[in-house]
Amino acid sequence: MSFDLTIDGPRWRTHLDAIRATVPGLVPVIKGNGYGFGRARLARECARMGVDTVAVGALSEVGDVREHHSGDILVLEPLRPGEASAAVPVHLGVIRTVSRLDVVEELAALAVQGHRVPRIVVEMDSPVHRHGIEWTALPRLRKLLTRLPVNGFALHLPLCGPAAKVATTALDRLRAAGLSPWNLWVSHLAGAELERFREYAAAGPDPVVVRPRIGTALWLGDRGALHATGEVLDVHRVRRGEPIGYRQRHASRSGWIVVVSGGTGHGVGLRAPTCGGSPKQRARNAATAALHGAGLTRSPFRWNGRRLRFADSPHMQVSMLLVPDSAVPPRVGDLLDCDVRMTVTTFDAVHLLGNEGRMNTDLTGSRDDLHSLDVPGVPGQVGPGTCPEPGPGHHEPSGPDLPDPLDLPGLSDLPEAISDRARLRPTG
């Protein structure tokens, strides 16, 4: 049984390289589940593209990325109070984010005492209000930062609204306070808006280099290159009213129960809550809730272009689907297309299809980069856009003699990939 992702390699890499070529100072984001690809694979792509800096979500993610990326790694998770003295993977080329004034004070005190401190990026408050130092602290901040290795300032910008205006106002306030940001690390700025802000930041006596952090738009920007599938494991005839599933709900119609690989352990059936800000979104949420209450929940799996309904709540590794009498059911071994939210999905295997029908495959075993194999590929096209991502679409290189990160304190027990059952399905 296998729940897999197949990538049209040439198409996907054409998209990645286009962004790399048109976004100076690009900082790819590699965090969480690696946007469905796995952090190790994305780190290898960053090495191929030749970027000097990448961003990870947490310090625990540094080890996976360091094995494949020799440049700087920006940790987006801010240092918390009391952690400053432990933030010493300085030699790893790690840059830490600082978003609290008391943490800046701790670091400055350590520096005065002669201790080594990591390079830092100072995150200022933004309309998102997730992390960030209050703007009223600028005078105090200016004095403290003279003692620290500062790699610039960061802004976490909102997805909606005039992000460039927020960034411009922030830059003006930093300059007015006598703080030259050197580098300004920003998220959610793209296209013409990013270019206008870049030109504004570069103007004047103290030019500022803009470092755009890009994750979703980079890795998931061409959904047509991604094809998720689940393997049909069993097919059973069922009559209307017959009890089925864990909770023995009655089948809503006659047809077939199709058991397919892909369950909650993979991310199937998981959905992020929405704010429901617009009338259309609220109406959609109400309609979805009504269908759920009636036991008519649509699954993300498709057969012959038709989206199937869940026959039972998704299980951990499989899902039970209902194919009505009016349709021809799939056979055991067939593959069902699956619309997935990549940021919450863990695949059993990720296949990178090459130019000549060959695949480079990552098996998600004890680590998501445990195996990298060249195996004969299956001729054919990758399916059209079966991996949508809901919602609206982030320095210098370190020295060449980097120690093995797995031998360093605090990085030896990194979380392992969740699946130890993955296998490569024979292609004969």
Protein backbone atom coordinates (compact mmCIF):
# COMPACT_ATOMS: atom_id res chain seq x y z
CA MET A 1 0.00 0.00 0.00
CA SER A 2 1.35 3.40 -0.90
CA PHE A 3 0.24 7.02 -0.83
CA ASP A 4 2.64 8.79 -3.17
CA LEU A 5 3.56 12.11 -4.70
CA THR A 6 4.91 12.19 -8.26
CA ILE A 7 6.63 15.36 -9.43
CA ASP A 8 7.08 16.36 -13.06
CA GLY A 9 10.74 17.20 -12.44
CA PRO A 10 11.52 19.33 -15.52
CA ARG A 11 8.34 21.37 -15.13
CA TRP A 12 8.78 21.87 -11.39
CA ARG A 13 12.42 22.85 -11.70
CA THR A 14 11.63 25.26 -14.54
CA HIS A 15 9.31 27.06 -12.14
CA LEU A 16 11.89 27.04 -9.31
CA ASP A 17 14.65 28.34 -11.57
CA ALA A 18 12.40 31.10 -12.94
CA ILE A 19 11.81 32.43 -9.43
CA ARG A 20 15.49 32.07 -8.58
CA ALA A 21 16.41 34.12 -11.66
CA THR A 22 13.86 36.89 -11.12
CA VAL A 23 14.01 37.34 -7.32
CA PRO A 24 17.42 38.67 -6.20
CA GLY A 25 18.30 37.77 -2.62
CA LEU A 26 15.84 34.87 -2.57
CA VAL A 27 15.63 33.04 0.78
CA PRO A 28 13.73 29.76 0.28
CA VAL A 29 11.74 28.57 3.28
CA ILE A 30 12.13 24.91 4.28
CA LYS A 31 9.99 24.17 7.31
CA GLY A 32 7.45 21.79 8.79
CA ASN A 33 6.85 18.82 6.50
CA GLY A 34 8.88 20.47 3.75
CA TYR A 35 5.68 21.56 1.99
CA GLY A 36 4.91 17.88 1.35
CA PHE A 37 8.22 17.16 -0.40
CA GLY A 38 10.32 16.61 2.72
CA ARG A 39 12.90 19.06 4.05
CA ALA A 40 15.87 17.08 2.72
CA ARG A 41 14.63 17.17 -0.87
CA LEU A 42 14.02 20.92 -0.71
CA ALA A 43 17.47 21.46 0.78
CA ARG A 44 18.97 19.56 -2.15
CA GLU A 45 17.03 21.76 -4.57
CA CYS A 46 18.39 24.86 -2.83
CA ALA A 47 21.91 23.50 -3.25
CA ARG A 48 21.19 22.90 -6.93
CA MET A 49 19.89 26.48 -7.34
CA GLY A 50 22.93 27.90 -5.55
CA VAL A 51 21.15 30.06 -2.97
CA ASP A 52 23.34 31.35 -0.15
CA THR A 53 20.72 31.32 2.62
CA VAL A 54 17.63 29.30 3.47
CA ALA A 55 15.11 29.66 6.30
CA VAL A 56 13.78 26.92 8.56
CA GLY A 57 10.90 27.09 10.98
CA ALA A 58 12.61 25.77 14.11
CA LEU A 59 16.08 24.91 15.41
CA SER A 60 15.15 21.20 15.36
CA GLU A 61 14.91 21.42 11.56
CA VAL A 62 18.49 22.62 11.06
CA GLY A 63 20.03 19.13 11.01
CA ASP A 64 18.05 17.86 8.02
CA VAL A 65 18.83 20.96 6.01
CA ARG A 66 22.50 21.28 6.98
CA GLU A 67 23.30 17.88 5.45
CA HIS A 68 22.52 19.30 2.00
CA HIS A 69 22.99 23.08 2.32
CA SER A 70 26.37 24.59 3.19
CA GLY A 71 25.29 28.23 3.37
CA ASP A 72 23.55 30.17 6.12
CA ILE A 73 20.36 28.95 7.78
CA LEU A 74 17.94 31.49 9.24
CA VAL A 75 15.80 30.07 12.06
CA LEU A 76 12.39 31.77 11.99
CA GLU A 77 11.42 30.55 15.48
CA PRO A 78 12.41 33.41 17.81
CA LEU A 79 14.73 32.99 20.74
CA ARG A 80 12.75 32.99 23.98
CA PRO A 81 13.79 34.50 27.32
CA GLY A 82 16.38 32.35 29.06
CA GLU A 83 17.50 30.63 25.85
CA ALA A 84 20.16 33.12 24.85
CA SER A 85 23.00 31.31 26.64
CA ALA A 86 22.10 28.05 24.87
CA ALA A 87 21.89 29.56 21.40
CA VAL A 88 25.39 28.64 20.37
CA PRO A 89 25.41 26.74 17.07
CA VAL A 90 27.35 29.80 15.88
CA HIS A 91 29.80 27.67 13.90
CA LEU A 92 26.94 26.06 11.98
CA GLY A 93 26.19 29.21 10.04
CA VAL A 94 22.91 29.57 11.90
CA ILE A 95 21.22 32.97 12.20
CA ARG A 96 18.70 33.31 15.02
CA THR A 97 15.58 35.46 15.03
CA VAL A 98 15.06 37.77 18.02
CA SER A 99 11.61 39.27 18.58
CA ARG A 100 11.71 40.42 22.23
CA LEU A 101 13.61 43.27 23.83
CA ASP A 102 14.47 41.23 26.93
CA VAL A 103 16.17 38.61 24.74
CA VAL A 104 18.22 41.32 23.04
CA GLU A 105 19.25 42.50 26.51
CA GLU A 106 20.31 38.95 27.46
CA LEU A 107 22.41 38.59 24.31
CA ALA A 108 24.02 42.00 24.80
CA ALA A 109 24.92 41.10 28.40
CA LEU A 110 26.53 37.84 27.25
CA ALA A 111 28.50 39.68 24.57
CA VAL A 112 29.78 42.21 27.12
CA GLN A 113 30.96 39.29 29.29
CA GLY A 114 32.97 37.95 26.36
CA HIS A 115 30.68 35.08 25.36
CA ARG A 116 30.12 34.19 21.75
CA VAL A 117 26.61 34.96 20.59
CA PRO A 118 24.89 33.95 17.36
CA ARG A 119 24.27 36.30 14.51
CA ILE A 120 20.75 37.64 14.80
CA VAL A 121 17.93 39.08 12.75
CA VAL A 122 15.71 41.44 14.72
CA GLU A 123 12.00 41.01 13.99
CA MET A 124 9.86 44.09 14.47
CA ASP A 125 6.13 44.13 15.15
CA SER A 126 3.84 44.18 12.12
CA PRO A 127 0.06 44.19 11.51
CA VAL A 128 0.17 40.39 11.76
CA HIS A 129 1.11 40.79 15.48
CA ARG A 130 2.57 37.28 15.73
CA HIS A 131 6.12 38.11 16.86
CA GLY A 132 8.04 41.35 16.96
CA ILE A 133 9.60 44.03 19.15
CA GLU A 134 7.39 47.04 19.81
CA TRP A 135 8.35 50.15 17.86
CA THR A 136 8.43 52.22 21.04
CA ALA A 137 11.57 50.27 22.03
CA LEU A 138 13.67 51.63 19.13
CA PRO A 139 15.82 54.02 21.23
CA ARG A 140 16.75 51.26 23.68
CA LEU A 141 17.22 48.78 20.85
CA ARG A 142 19.66 51.06 19.05
CA LYS A 143 22.02 51.10 22.05
CA LEU A 144 21.88 47.34 22.59
CA LEU A 145 22.49 46.35 18.98
CA THR A 146 25.87 48.08 18.86
CA ARG A 147 27.20 45.12 20.89
CA LEU A 148 25.73 42.35 18.73
CA PRO A 149 26.34 40.74 15.30
CA VAL A 150 23.17 41.92 13.56
CA ASN A 151 22.29 40.56 10.12
CA GLY A 152 19.36 42.92 9.65
CA PHE A 153 15.72 43.33 10.55
CA ALA A 154 12.69 41.21 9.66
CA LEU A 155 9.03 41.91 8.97
CA HIS A 156 6.28 39.30 8.82
CA LEU A 157 3.77 40.93 6.49
CA PRO A 158 0.05 40.11 6.10
CA LEU A 159 -1.30 38.25 3.09
CA CYS A 160 -4.07 40.80 2.60
CA GLY A 161 -3.70 44.55 2.40
CA PRO A 162 -0.90 46.86 1.25
CA ALA A 163 2.12 44.84 2.40
CA ALA A 164 4.59 47.10 0.58
CA LYS A 165 3.19 50.15 2.37
CA VAL A 166 3.68 48.43 5.73
CA ALA A 167 7.27 47.56 4.78
CA THR A 168 8.00 51.09 3.54
CA THR A 169 6.68 52.65 6.74
CA ALA A 170 8.75 50.25 8.84
CA LEU A 171 11.91 51.03 6.88
CA ASP A 172 11.31 54.76 7.29
CA ARG A 173 10.94 54.36 11.06
CA LEU A 174 14.14 52.33 11.32
CA ARG A 175 16.09 54.91 9.34
CA ALA A 176 14.62 57.78 11.36
CA ALA A 177 15.75 56.05 14.56
CA GLY A 178 19.30 55.81 13.25
CA LEU A 179 19.10 52.07 12.64
CA SER A 180 20.37 51.10 9.21
CA PRO A 181 18.82 47.67 8.61
CA TRP A 182 21.58 46.50 6.20
CA ASN A 183 19.36 43.57 5.25
CA LEU A 184 15.57 43.64 5.52
CA TRP A 185 14.06 40.16 5.54
CA VAL A 186 10.43 40.23 4.39
CA SER A 187 7.66 37.74 3.73
CA HIS A 188 4.64 37.88 1.40
CA LEU A 189 6.01 40.49 -0.98
CA ALA A 190 6.12 39.47 -4.63
CA GLY A 191 6.03 40.71 -8.20
CA ALA A 192 5.81 44.42 -8.95
CA GLU A 193 5.14 45.24 -5.29
CA LEU A 194 8.42 43.61 -4.28
CA GLU A 195 10.37 45.35 -7.05
CA ARG A 196 9.04 48.80 -6.10
CA PHE A 197 9.96 48.23 -2.48
CA ARG A 198 13.39 46.92 -3.45
CA GLU A 199 14.07 50.11 -5.44
CA TYR A 200 12.89 52.26 -2.54
CA ALA A 201 15.10 50.37 -0.05
CA ALA A 202 18.17 50.69 -2.27
CA ALA A 203 17.80 54.47 -2.65
CA GLY A 204 19.39 57.05 -0.36
CA PRO A 205 22.70 57.24 1.51
CA ASP A 206 22.06 53.98 3.43
CA PRO A 207 20.97 51.39 0.85
CA VAL A 208 19.21 48.35 2.23
CA VAL A 209 19.27 44.86 0.69
CA VAL A 210 15.83 43.22 0.62
CA ARG A 211 15.80 39.47 1.34
CA PRO A 212 12.42 37.97 0.35
CA ARG A 213 11.51 34.81 2.27
CA ILE A 214 9.43 32.63 -0.05
CA GLY A 215 7.90 29.23 0.68
CA THR A 216 4.48 28.44 -0.78
CA ALA A 217 4.87 30.49 -3.96
CA LEU A 218 8.24 28.84 -4.62
CA TRP A 219 7.65 25.17 -3.89
CA LEU A 220 3.91 24.99 -4.67
CA GLY A 221 3.68 27.71 -7.30
CA ASP A 222 3.09 25.28 -10.19
CA ARG A 223 0.47 22.82 -8.95
CA GLY A 224 0.24 21.14 -12.34
CA ALA A 225 3.68 19.60 -11.75
CA LEU A 226 2.42 17.68 -8.70
CA HIS A 227 0.32 14.51 -8.70
CA ALA A 228 -0.78 12.75 -5.50
CA THR A 229 -2.23 9.24 -5.69
CA GLY A 230 -3.53 6.53 -3.40
CA GLU A 231 -3.50 2.82 -4.26
CA VAL A 232 -6.76 0.84 -4.22
CA LEU A 233 -6.36 -1.99 -1.70
CA ASP A 234 -9.83 -3.58 -1.61
CA VAL A 235 -13.24 -3.26 -3.27
CA HIS A 236 -16.42 -4.57 -1.57
CA ARG A 237 -20.06 -4.65 -2.75
CA VAL A 238 -22.45 -2.92 -0.36
CA ARG A 239 -26.24 -2.49 -0.27
CA ARG A 240 -28.11 0.62 0.76
CA GLY A 241 -28.76 0.64 4.49
CA GLU A 242 -26.03 -1.91 5.25
CA PRO A 243 -23.92 -1.03 8.34
CA ILE A 244 -20.33 -0.10 7.42
CA GLY A 245 -17.22 1.34 9.02
CA TYR A 246 -16.06 1.68 12.60
CA ARG A 247 -19.27 3.29 13.77
CA GLN A 248 -21.56 1.09 11.67
CA ARG A 249 -23.30 3.92 9.89
CA HIS A 250 -25.75 2.79 7.24
CA ALA A 251 -24.68 3.07 3.62
CA SER A 252 -26.50 5.98 1.98
CA ARG A 253 -26.81 4.08 -1.33
CA SER A 254 -25.91 0.81 -2.96
CA GLY A 255 -22.55 0.54 -4.65
CA TRP A 256 -19.00 -0.39 -3.76
CA ILE A 257 -16.78 0.33 -0.80
CA VAL A 258 -13.33 1.22 -2.12
CA VAL A 259 -10.46 1.01 0.39
CA VAL A 260 -7.58 3.25 -0.71
CA SER A 261 -4.19 4.02 0.84
CA GLY A 262 -4.07 7.46 2.41
CA GLY A 263 -5.49 8.32 5.82
CA THR A 264 -5.18 10.77 8.66
CA GLY A 265 -1.56 9.72 9.24
CA HIS A 266 -0.81 11.06 5.77
CA GLY A 267 -2.90 14.21 6.27
CA VAL A 268 -6.00 13.03 4.38
CA GLY A 269 -9.15 14.51 5.86
CA LEU A 270 -7.31 17.19 7.84
CA ARG A 271 -8.56 20.71 7.27
CA ALA A 272 -7.48 24.03 8.75
CA PRO A 273 -10.26 26.20 10.22
CA THR A 274 -11.18 29.31 8.29
CA CYS A 275 -12.12 32.71 9.63
CA GLY A 276 -15.19 32.90 7.38
CA GLY A 277 -14.72 36.60 6.84
CA SER A 278 -16.82 36.95 3.68
CA PRO A 279 -20.51 36.03 3.19
CA LYS A 280 -19.45 33.57 0.48
CA GLN A 281 -17.03 31.82 2.84
CA ARG A 282 -19.62 31.66 5.62
CA ALA A 283 -22.18 30.17 3.22
CA ARG A 284 -19.65 27.60 2.05
CA ASN A 285 -18.84 26.64 5.65
CA ALA A 286 -22.53 26.24 6.44
CA ALA A 287 -23.11 24.04 3.39
CA THR A 288 -20.11 21.89 4.24
CA ALA A 289 -21.34 21.46 7.82
CA ALA A 290 -24.77 20.40 6.55
CA LEU A 291 -23.23 17.75 4.30
CA HIS A 292 -21.10 16.49 7.18
CA GLY A 293 -24.19 16.19 9.36
CA ALA A 294 -25.96 14.18 6.68
CA GLY A 295 -23.02 11.81 6.31
CA LEU A 296 -22.28 13.02 2.78
CA THR A 297 -18.73 14.24 3.24
CA ARG A 298 -16.74 14.48 0.02
CA SER A 299 -13.29 12.94 0.06
CA PRO A 300 -10.22 14.38 -1.71
CA PHE A 301 -10.01 11.24 -3.90
CA ARG A 302 -11.16 11.17 -7.52
CA TRP A 303 -12.02 8.30 -9.84
CA ASN A 304 -12.63 8.92 -13.55
CA GLY A 305 -12.74 12.64 -12.83
CA ARG A 306 -15.45 12.26 -10.18
CA ARG A 307 -14.86 13.19 -6.56
CA LEU A 308 -15.87 10.32 -4.26
CA ARG A 309 -17.56 10.50 -0.87
CA PHE A 310 -16.20 9.06 2.35
CA ALA A 311 -18.05 5.91 3.42
CA ASP A 312 -16.50 6.22 6.89
CA SER A 313 -14.29 8.73 8.65
CA PRO A 314 -10.71 8.39 7.35
CA HIS A 315 -8.66 5.78 9.19
CA MET A 316 -5.01 6.35 10.06
CA GLN A 317 -3.51 4.78 6.92
CA VAL A 318 -6.47 4.18 4.62
CA SER A 319 -9.76 5.75 3.62
CA MET A 320 -13.05 4.00 2.84
CA LEU A 321 -14.86 5.54 -0.12
CA LEU A 322 -18.28 4.91 -1.67
CA VAL A 323 -18.63 4.43 -5.43
CA PRO A 324 -22.32 4.44 -6.47
CA ASP A 325 -23.97 1.76 -8.59
CA SER A 326 -24.07 4.13 -11.53
CA ALA A 327 -20.26 4.12 -11.85
CA VAL A 328 -17.74 1.43 -12.72
CA PRO A 329 -15.60 0.84 -9.61
CA PRO A 330 -11.80 0.79 -9.70
CA ARG A 331 -9.91 -2.47 -9.35
CA VAL A 332 -7.40 -3.45 -6.69
CA GLY A 333 -4.07 -1.88 -7.64
CA ASP A 334 -5.59 1.09 -9.48
CA LEU A 335 -4.45 4.57 -8.46
CA LEU A 336 -6.89 7.28 -7.40
CA ASP A 337 -5.96 10.94 -7.82
CA CYS A 338 -6.05 12.84 -4.55
CA ASP A 339 -6.41 16.58 -3.98
CA VAL A 340 -4.21 17.30 -0.98
CA ARG A 341 -3.16 20.24 1.11
CA MET A 342 0.59 19.85 0.74
CA THR A 343 1.56 21.61 3.97
CA VAL A 344 -0.17 18.95 6.10
CA THR A 345 0.54 15.90 3.95
CA THR A 346 3.17 13.20 4.51
CA PHE A 347 3.67 10.81 1.59
CA ASP A 348 4.97 7.25 1.71
CA ALA A 349 7.23 8.05 -1.24
CA VAL A 350 8.07 11.09 -3.35
CA HIS A 351 9.00 10.36 -6.98
CA LEU A 352 10.84 12.98 -9.03
CA LEU A 353 10.19 12.17 -12.69
CA GLY A 354 13.10 13.08 -14.96
CA ASN A 355 13.49 13.93 -18.62
CA GLU A 356 13.87 10.35 -19.83
CA GLY A 357 11.18 8.51 -17.90
CA ARG A 358 13.37 7.83 -14.87
CA MET A 359 12.48 8.66 -11.30
CA ASN A 360 14.55 9.71 -8.33
CA THR A 361 12.63 8.46 -5.32
CA ASP A 362 12.70 9.39 -1.65
CA LEU A 363 11.22 6.79 0.68
CA THR A 364 9.98 8.30 3.92
CA GLY A 365 11.50 5.74 6.24
CA SER A 366 13.28 6.56 9.50
CA ARG A 367 14.33 9.85 7.88
CA ASP A 368 12.75 11.58 4.92
CA ASP A 369 16.08 11.43 3.09
CA LEU A 370 16.99 7.88 4.09
CA HIS A 371 17.01 6.59 0.52
CA SER A 372 17.54 8.25 -2.81
CA LEU A 373 17.28 5.76 -5.64
CA ASP A 374 17.25 5.83 -9.42
CA VAL A 375 14.62 3.39 -10.62
CA PRO A 376 12.95 2.83 -13.98
CA GLY A 377 10.11 5.28 -14.36
CA VAL A 378 6.63 4.76 -15.68
CA PRO A 379 6.05 6.46 -19.04
CA GLY A 380 3.29 9.01 -19.14
CA GLN A 381 2.32 12.48 -18.06
CA VAL A 382 1.98 13.74 -14.53
CA GLY A 383 -1.66 14.53 -13.80
CA PRO A 384 -3.00 18.04 -14.22
CA GLY A 385 -2.97 20.02 -11.02
CA THR A 386 -4.15 17.51 -8.48
CA CYS A 387 -2.46 19.14 -5.48
CA PRO A 388 -4.23 22.45 -4.74
CA GLU A 389 -3.19 24.49 -1.72
CA PRO A 390 -6.17 26.34 -0.17
CA GLY A 391 -5.93 30.07 0.47
CA PRO A 392 -3.80 32.82 -1.14
CA GLY A 393 -0.82 31.76 -2.35
CA HIS A 394 10.92 33.32 3.12
CA HIS A 395 24.41 36.62 4.61
CA GLU A 396 26.94 35.41 3.59
CA PRO A 397 27.85 31.75 3.10
CA SER A 398 29.36 30.14 6.15
CA GLY A 399 32.86 28.70 6.28
CA PRO A 400 33.75 25.54 4.37
CA ASP A 401 34.77 23.39 7.35
CA LEU A 402 31.40 22.63 8.88
CA PRO A 403 31.14 19.86 11.48
CA ASP A 404 28.57 17.10 11.18
CA PRO A 405 25.45 18.64 12.77
CA LEU A 406 24.36 15.28 14.14
CA ASP A 407 27.48 15.21 16.33
CA LEU A 408 26.64 18.53 17.98
CA PRO A 409 24.85 18.93 21.33
CA GLY A 410 21.12 19.45 20.97
CA LEU A 411 20.92 18.29 17.35
CA SER A 412 21.43 14.54 17.78
CA ASP A 413 17.83 13.61 18.50
CA LEU A 414 15.99 15.33 15.70
CA PRO A 415 12.41 14.21 14.97
CA GLU A 416 12.26 11.42 12.45
CA ALA A 417 9.79 11.15 9.61
CA ILE A 418 6.54 9.61 10.80
CA SER A 419 6.34 6.74 8.33
CA ASP A 420 8.36 3.56 8.71
CA ARG A 421 6.11 1.55 6.44
CA ALA A 422 6.95 3.12 3.11
CA ARG A 423 8.05 1.05 0.18
CA LEU A 424 8.70 1.58 -3.49
CA ARG A 425 5.93 0.01 -5.56
CA PRO A 426 7.33 -2.20 -8.37
CA THR A 427 7.02 -0.57 -11.76
CA GLY A 428 6.92 -3.69 -13.91
